[in-house]
N, C-alpha and C. Protein backbone atom coordinates (compact mmCIF):
# COMPACT_ATOMS: atom_id res chain seq x y z
N MET A 1 0.83 -1.29 0.12
CA MET A 1 0.14 0.11 0.09
C MET A 1 0.77 1.41 -0.13
N SER A 2 0.41 2.28 -0.81
CA SER A 2 1.35 3.42 -0.80
C SER A 2 1.20 4.17 0.41
N SER A 3 1.99 4.89 0.73
CA SER A 3 2.16 5.84 1.71
C SER A 3 1.05 7.11 1.48
N LEU A 4 0.79 7.81 2.55
CA LEU A 4 -0.34 8.99 2.29
C LEU A 4 0.39 10.09 1.49
N GLY A 5 1.46 10.37 1.53
CA GLY A 5 2.30 11.60 0.80
C GLY A 5 2.31 10.90 -0.71
N THR A 6 2.61 9.52 -0.87
CA THR A 6 2.74 9.19 -2.03
C THR A 6 1.50 9.21 -2.82
N VAL A 7 0.39 8.96 -2.24
CA VAL A 7 -0.95 9.15 -2.90
C VAL A 7 -1.23 10.49 -3.02
N LEU A 8 -0.87 11.39 -2.12
CA LEU A 8 -1.33 12.92 -2.44
C LEU A 8 -0.52 13.55 -3.64
N ARG A 9 0.76 13.19 -3.69
CA ARG A 9 1.72 13.55 -4.57
C ARG A 9 1.30 13.10 -6.21
N LYS A 10 1.08 11.72 -6.26
CA LYS A 10 0.73 11.16 -7.59
C LYS A 10 -0.65 11.80 -8.03
N GLU A 11 -1.62 12.04 -7.16
CA GLU A 11 -2.83 12.60 -7.72
C GLU A 11 -2.68 13.99 -8.00
N ARG A 12 -1.90 14.62 -7.41
CA ARG A 12 -1.54 16.17 -7.62
C ARG A 12 -0.73 16.17 -9.04
N GLU A 13 0.02 15.39 -9.36
CA GLU A 13 0.91 15.27 -10.53
C GLU A 13 -0.15 14.66 -11.75
N LYS A 14 -0.94 13.90 -11.53
CA LYS A 14 -1.90 13.27 -12.43
C LYS A 14 -2.68 14.46 -12.80
N GLN A 15 -3.36 15.44 -12.07
CA GLN A 15 -4.03 16.55 -12.41
C GLN A 15 -3.10 17.46 -13.04
N GLY A 16 -2.01 17.36 -13.14
CA GLY A 16 -1.08 18.46 -13.39
C GLY A 16 -0.81 19.89 -12.71
N ARG A 17 -1.20 19.63 -11.48
CA ARG A 17 -1.09 20.83 -10.54
C ARG A 17 0.10 21.09 -9.74
N THR A 18 0.38 22.24 -9.65
CA THR A 18 1.75 22.56 -8.92
C THR A 18 1.46 22.65 -7.49
N LEU A 19 2.85 22.44 -6.52
CA LEU A 19 2.43 22.81 -5.13
C LEU A 19 2.03 24.25 -4.70
N LYS A 20 2.45 25.28 -5.74
CA LYS A 20 2.19 26.63 -5.52
C LYS A 20 0.90 26.73 -5.88
N GLU A 21 0.28 26.22 -6.97
CA GLU A 21 -1.28 26.26 -6.97
C GLU A 21 -2.08 25.61 -6.13
N VAL A 22 -1.77 24.67 -5.43
CA VAL A 22 -2.53 23.83 -4.53
C VAL A 22 -2.44 24.92 -3.03
N SER A 23 -1.23 25.33 -2.97
CA SER A 23 -0.88 26.23 -1.80
C SER A 23 -1.79 27.48 -1.88
N ASP A 24 -1.85 28.12 -2.93
CA ASP A 24 -2.75 29.14 -2.92
C ASP A 24 -4.31 29.00 -2.80
N ALA A 25 -4.60 27.91 -3.47
CA ALA A 25 -5.89 27.38 -3.50
C ALA A 25 -6.55 27.18 -1.91
N LEU A 26 -5.54 26.43 -1.25
CA LEU A 26 -6.02 26.01 0.05
C LEU A 26 -5.44 27.16 1.32
N ASN A 27 -4.69 27.82 0.99
CA ASN A 27 -4.18 28.77 1.90
C ASN A 27 -3.23 28.04 3.17
N ILE A 28 -2.30 27.16 2.39
CA ILE A 28 -1.51 26.27 3.21
C ILE A 28 -0.17 26.49 2.88
N LYS A 29 0.87 26.86 3.56
CA LYS A 29 2.22 26.80 3.02
C LYS A 29 2.71 25.80 2.15
N THR A 30 3.54 26.30 1.31
CA THR A 30 4.20 25.32 0.51
C THR A 30 4.85 24.07 1.05
N ALA A 31 5.43 24.76 2.14
CA ALA A 31 6.46 23.86 2.96
C ALA A 31 5.64 22.83 3.57
N TYR A 32 4.27 22.99 3.94
CA TYR A 32 3.54 21.84 4.63
C TYR A 32 3.15 21.16 3.67
N LEU A 33 2.61 21.38 2.60
CA LEU A 33 2.30 20.41 1.38
C LEU A 33 3.49 19.36 1.11
N GLU A 34 4.88 19.88 1.11
CA GLU A 34 5.85 19.22 0.59
C GLU A 34 5.95 18.32 1.96
N ALA A 35 5.93 18.81 3.05
CA ALA A 35 6.30 17.72 4.26
C ALA A 35 5.17 16.71 4.18
N LEU A 36 3.90 16.96 3.88
CA LEU A 36 2.68 16.04 3.53
C LEU A 36 3.15 14.97 2.69
N GLU A 37 3.61 15.26 1.30
CA GLU A 37 4.08 14.46 0.33
C GLU A 37 5.23 13.42 0.61
N LYS A 38 6.16 14.16 1.55
CA LYS A 38 7.28 13.19 1.95
C LYS A 38 7.20 12.50 3.04
N ASP A 39 5.85 12.59 3.59
CA ASP A 39 5.59 12.02 5.00
C ASP A 39 6.20 12.42 5.98
N SER A 40 6.78 13.65 6.20
CA SER A 40 7.83 14.50 7.12
C SER A 40 6.61 15.10 7.97
N TYR A 41 5.90 14.53 8.85
CA TYR A 41 4.96 15.04 9.80
C TYR A 41 5.48 15.86 10.71
N ASP A 42 6.73 15.75 11.09
CA ASP A 42 7.55 16.42 12.14
C ASP A 42 7.74 17.83 11.78
N ASP A 43 7.64 18.09 10.35
CA ASP A 43 7.89 19.41 10.03
C ASP A 43 6.56 20.27 10.05
N ILE A 44 5.63 19.73 10.53
CA ILE A 44 4.32 20.48 10.49
C ILE A 44 3.95 20.59 11.90
N PRO A 45 3.58 21.75 12.43
CA PRO A 45 3.37 22.09 14.03
C PRO A 45 2.70 21.20 14.89
N GLY A 46 1.84 20.50 14.41
CA GLY A 46 0.94 19.63 15.34
C GLY A 46 0.37 18.34 14.54
N VAL A 47 -0.21 17.35 15.21
CA VAL A 47 -1.13 16.58 14.80
C VAL A 47 -2.19 16.99 14.00
N VAL A 48 -3.02 18.03 14.95
CA VAL A 48 -4.17 18.79 14.53
C VAL A 48 -3.94 19.26 13.16
N PHE A 49 -2.91 20.04 12.99
CA PHE A 49 -2.61 20.54 11.54
C PHE A 49 -2.61 19.49 10.57
N VAL A 50 -1.89 18.48 10.72
CA VAL A 50 -1.78 17.29 9.76
C VAL A 50 -2.86 16.81 9.54
N LYS A 51 -3.81 16.37 10.42
CA LYS A 51 -4.98 15.88 10.02
C LYS A 51 -5.94 16.86 9.14
N GLY A 52 -5.73 18.39 9.47
CA GLY A 52 -6.56 19.10 8.87
C GLY A 52 -6.15 19.37 7.48
N PHE A 53 -4.93 19.42 7.21
CA PHE A 53 -3.97 19.68 6.14
C PHE A 53 -4.41 18.58 5.14
N THR A 54 -4.33 17.11 5.70
CA THR A 54 -4.34 16.20 4.77
C THR A 54 -5.93 16.10 4.21
N ARG A 55 -6.91 16.30 5.20
CA ARG A 55 -8.28 16.28 4.75
C ARG A 55 -8.52 17.29 3.66
N ASN A 56 -8.29 18.48 3.73
CA ASN A 56 -8.30 19.62 3.03
C ASN A 56 -7.69 19.30 1.44
N TYR A 57 -6.39 18.94 1.62
CA TYR A 57 -5.46 18.60 0.36
C TYR A 57 -6.09 17.15 -0.20
N GLY A 58 -6.68 16.54 0.44
CA GLY A 58 -7.10 15.26 -0.24
C GLY A 58 -8.75 15.90 -0.78
N ASN A 59 -9.54 16.44 0.05
CA ASN A 59 -10.91 16.85 -0.83
C ASN A 59 -10.53 17.84 -2.00
N TYR A 60 -9.44 18.57 -2.24
CA TYR A 60 -9.28 19.52 -3.12
C TYR A 60 -8.79 18.57 -4.37
N LEU A 61 -8.17 17.58 -4.04
CA LEU A 61 -7.80 16.78 -5.37
C LEU A 61 -8.80 15.79 -5.50
N GLY A 62 -9.79 15.87 -4.97
CA GLY A 62 -10.97 15.10 -5.39
C GLY A 62 -10.97 13.53 -4.63
N LEU A 63 -10.17 13.47 -3.83
CA LEU A 63 -10.14 12.23 -2.90
C LEU A 63 -11.02 12.43 -1.82
N ASP A 64 -11.04 11.29 -0.94
CA ASP A 64 -11.83 11.00 0.35
C ASP A 64 -10.97 11.69 1.49
N GLY A 65 -10.98 12.87 1.86
CA GLY A 65 -10.13 13.47 3.00
C GLY A 65 -10.26 12.83 4.24
N ALA A 66 -11.46 12.39 4.63
CA ALA A 66 -11.98 11.64 5.66
C ALA A 66 -10.93 10.25 5.87
N ALA A 67 -11.16 9.46 4.72
CA ALA A 67 -10.26 8.22 4.65
C ALA A 67 -8.71 8.55 4.63
N LEU A 68 -8.58 9.61 3.93
CA LEU A 68 -6.91 10.03 4.23
C LEU A 68 -6.39 10.14 5.61
N VAL A 69 -7.22 10.68 6.42
CA VAL A 69 -6.95 11.16 7.64
C VAL A 69 -7.14 9.72 8.51
N GLN A 70 -8.03 8.93 8.28
CA GLN A 70 -8.28 7.66 8.96
C GLN A 70 -6.73 6.66 8.57
N GLN A 71 -6.36 7.02 7.50
CA GLN A 71 -5.07 6.01 7.00
C GLN A 71 -3.77 6.69 7.71
N TYR A 72 -3.98 7.98 8.00
CA TYR A 72 -2.81 8.76 8.75
C TYR A 72 -2.96 8.13 10.10
N LYS A 73 -4.07 8.46 10.70
CA LYS A 73 -4.07 7.86 12.19
C LYS A 73 -3.90 6.41 12.09
N GLY A 74 -4.06 5.62 11.54
CA GLY A 74 -3.63 4.21 11.40
C GLY A 74 -2.25 3.99 11.70
N ALA A 75 -1.85 4.83 10.70
CA ALA A 75 0.11 4.81 10.50
C ALA A 75 0.40 5.47 11.37
N PHE A 76 -0.03 6.61 11.99
CA PHE A 76 0.56 7.29 13.15
C PHE A 76 0.50 6.70 14.37
N ALA A 77 -0.78 6.01 14.81
CA ALA A 77 -0.85 5.55 15.94
C ALA A 77 0.03 4.10 16.16
N ALA A 78 0.10 3.35 14.88
CA ALA A 78 1.18 2.35 15.25
C ALA A 78 2.45 2.96 15.37
N THR A 79 2.90 4.00 15.13
CA THR A 79 4.50 4.36 15.13
C THR A 79 4.62 4.95 16.33
N VAL A 80 3.68 5.79 17.09
CA VAL A 80 4.01 6.49 18.23
C VAL A 80 3.28 5.75 19.43
N PRO A 81 4.08 5.63 20.34
CA PRO A 81 3.80 5.14 21.59
C PRO A 81 2.71 5.97 22.39
N GLN A 82 1.48 5.76 22.78
CA GLN A 82 0.63 6.33 23.59
C GLN A 82 0.81 6.17 24.94
N PRO A 83 0.87 7.64 25.77
CA PRO A 83 1.03 7.56 27.12
C PRO A 83 -0.07 7.17 27.87
N ASP A 84 0.29 6.40 29.09
CA ASP A 84 -0.89 5.80 29.98
C ASP A 84 -1.60 7.08 30.68
N VAL A 85 -2.81 7.25 30.45
CA VAL A 85 -3.57 8.25 31.22
C VAL A 85 -3.92 7.85 32.77
N ARG A 86 -3.63 8.56 33.59
CA ARG A 86 -3.77 8.32 34.86
C ARG A 86 -4.40 9.69 35.68
N PRO A 87 -5.37 9.19 36.52
CA PRO A 87 -5.94 10.43 37.07
C PRO A 87 -5.13 11.27 38.08
N ALA A 88 -5.07 12.49 37.94
CA ALA A 88 -4.28 13.43 38.55
C ALA A 88 -4.33 13.48 40.06
N ALA A 89 -2.95 13.22 40.99
CA ALA A 89 -3.48 13.04 42.45
C ALA A 89 -3.71 14.40 42.81
N VAL A 90 -4.76 14.22 43.89
CA VAL A 90 -5.06 15.65 44.71
C VAL A 90 -4.12 15.87 45.78
N GLN A 91 -3.44 16.93 45.68
CA GLN A 91 -2.63 16.98 46.81
C GLN A 91 -3.38 18.17 48.00
N HIS A 92 -3.22 17.74 49.31
CA HIS A 92 -3.99 18.66 50.41
C HIS A 92 -2.71 19.40 50.90
N THR A 93 -2.97 20.58 50.81
CA THR A 93 -2.03 21.39 51.68
C THR A 93 -2.58 21.96 52.81
N PRO A 94 -1.96 21.81 53.89
CA PRO A 94 -2.57 22.32 55.43
C PRO A 94 -2.62 23.71 55.20
N GLN A 95 -3.77 24.05 55.86
CA GLN A 95 -4.13 25.56 56.27
C GLN A 95 -3.63 26.10 57.19
N LYS A 96 -3.19 27.19 57.29
CA LYS A 96 -2.89 28.07 58.43
C LYS A 96 -4.23 28.21 59.29
N PRO A 97 -4.05 28.12 60.71
CA PRO A 97 -5.17 28.71 61.62
C PRO A 97 -5.47 30.01 61.15
N LYS A 98 -6.65 30.74 61.42
CA LYS A 98 -7.07 31.90 61.62
C LYS A 98 -6.87 32.57 62.39
N LYS A 99 -6.19 33.84 62.51
CA LYS A 99 -5.89 34.62 63.82
C LYS A 99 -7.18 35.34 64.21
N ASP A 100 -7.36 35.55 65.46
CA ASP A 100 -8.54 36.28 66.09
C ASP A 100 -8.37 37.51 65.83
N GLY A 101 -9.36 38.46 65.71
CA GLY A 101 -9.09 39.81 65.47
C GLY A 101 -9.19 40.42 64.21
N LYS A 102 -8.96 41.62 64.02
CA LYS A 102 -9.18 42.38 62.69
C LYS A 102 -8.29 41.92 61.84
N LYS A 103 -8.83 41.57 60.45
CA LYS A 103 -7.97 41.24 59.40
C LYS A 103 -7.33 42.57 58.57
N ARG A 104 -5.95 42.72 58.72
CA ARG A 104 -5.54 43.88 57.91
C ARG A 104 -5.64 43.66 56.38
N THR A 105 -6.15 44.78 55.67
CA THR A 105 -5.98 44.66 54.50
C THR A 105 -5.09 45.48 53.69
N LYS A 106 -4.86 45.26 52.42
CA LYS A 106 -3.78 45.91 51.69
C LYS A 106 -4.10 47.39 51.76
N GLN A 107 -5.45 47.81 51.78
CA GLN A 107 -5.70 49.42 51.89
C GLN A 107 -5.33 50.15 53.15
N GLY A 108 -4.75 49.48 54.23
CA GLY A 108 -4.16 49.99 55.30
C GLY A 108 -5.53 50.79 55.88
N LYS A 109 -5.16 52.09 56.45
CA LYS A 109 -6.22 53.11 57.22
C LYS A 109 -6.62 54.00 56.26
N TRP A 110 -6.44 54.00 55.00
CA TRP A 110 -6.88 55.02 54.32
C TRP A 110 -8.44 55.18 54.22
N PRO A 111 -9.35 54.05 54.22
CA PRO A 111 -10.70 54.19 54.17
C PRO A 111 -11.11 54.88 55.57
N GLU A 112 -10.56 54.67 56.56
CA GLU A 112 -10.85 55.25 58.02
C GLU A 112 -10.67 56.79 57.86
N ILE A 113 -9.37 57.14 57.37
CA ILE A 113 -8.80 58.33 57.35
C ILE A 113 -9.97 59.53 56.52
N THR A 114 -10.28 58.94 55.41
CA THR A 114 -11.03 59.42 54.24
C THR A 114 -12.76 59.77 54.85
N ILE A 115 -13.30 58.60 55.71
CA ILE A 115 -14.41 58.99 56.38
C ILE A 115 -14.38 59.89 57.37
N ILE A 116 -13.17 60.00 58.16
CA ILE A 116 -13.15 61.16 59.09
C ILE A 116 -12.96 62.42 58.52
N ALA A 117 -12.20 62.40 57.67
CA ALA A 117 -12.02 63.62 56.59
C ALA A 117 -13.51 64.37 56.14
N GLY A 118 -14.19 63.42 55.38
CA GLY A 118 -15.50 63.68 55.17
C GLY A 118 -16.23 64.28 56.23
N ILE A 119 -16.49 63.99 57.48
CA ILE A 119 -17.23 64.22 58.64
C ILE A 119 -16.74 65.62 58.91
N VAL A 120 -15.32 65.96 58.98
CA VAL A 120 -14.86 67.11 59.39
C VAL A 120 -15.09 68.18 58.61
N ILE A 121 -15.07 68.01 57.20
CA ILE A 121 -15.51 68.92 56.22
C ILE A 121 -16.90 69.09 56.21
N CYS A 122 -17.66 68.25 56.55
CA CYS A 122 -19.15 68.36 56.42
C CYS A 122 -19.60 69.17 57.63
N LEU A 123 -18.96 68.95 58.91
CA LEU A 123 -19.24 69.76 60.10
C LEU A 123 -18.71 71.17 59.92
N LEU A 124 -17.28 71.58 59.37
CA LEU A 124 -17.07 72.66 58.85
C LEU A 124 -17.97 73.58 57.89
N LEU A 125 -18.67 73.01 56.93
CA LEU A 125 -19.58 73.58 56.12
C LEU A 125 -20.91 73.97 56.89
N ILE A 126 -21.34 73.20 57.76
CA ILE A 126 -22.51 73.50 58.28
C ILE A 126 -22.17 74.43 59.39
N ILE A 127 -21.12 74.86 59.99
CA ILE A 127 -20.65 75.83 60.71
C ILE A 127 -20.63 77.11 60.08
N TRP A 128 -19.99 76.82 58.64
CA TRP A 128 -19.83 78.08 58.04
C TRP A 128 -21.03 78.73 57.44
N ILE A 129 -22.08 77.91 57.26
CA ILE A 129 -23.35 78.35 56.62
C ILE A 129 -24.35 78.90 57.94
N LEU A 130 -24.12 78.42 59.19
CA LEU A 130 -24.80 79.01 60.25
C LEU A 130 -24.22 80.34 60.65
N VAL A 131 -23.18 80.36 60.49
CA VAL A 131 -22.51 81.81 60.81
C VAL A 131 -22.56 83.07 59.97
């Protein structure tokens, strides 16, 4: 059975299309199309891009893009070991005991000072109006 890249390249050449023409039509870099045709999947940023480019390229050439992706998945899954999936361990961190008393905030004493200043200004305004 021919490799995925060989199938794509042969079909493109059979239709008389250039990589530049396909690249312009699909908005995929020529370098990525070349990597697909050479089965150099490491030159493409990620598996998701390989699948998408393969599907679009195959559909553009009139091939079954979904079948090509399945062919890629079959070949790729056989060559790359899959990691074991284990549930993440939950770590419990001991909490510090809460202190009794007033909790100090980052604002400091500015809210209290502002309220006192407002009351003083109001009292001075009332005295000024009454005099």
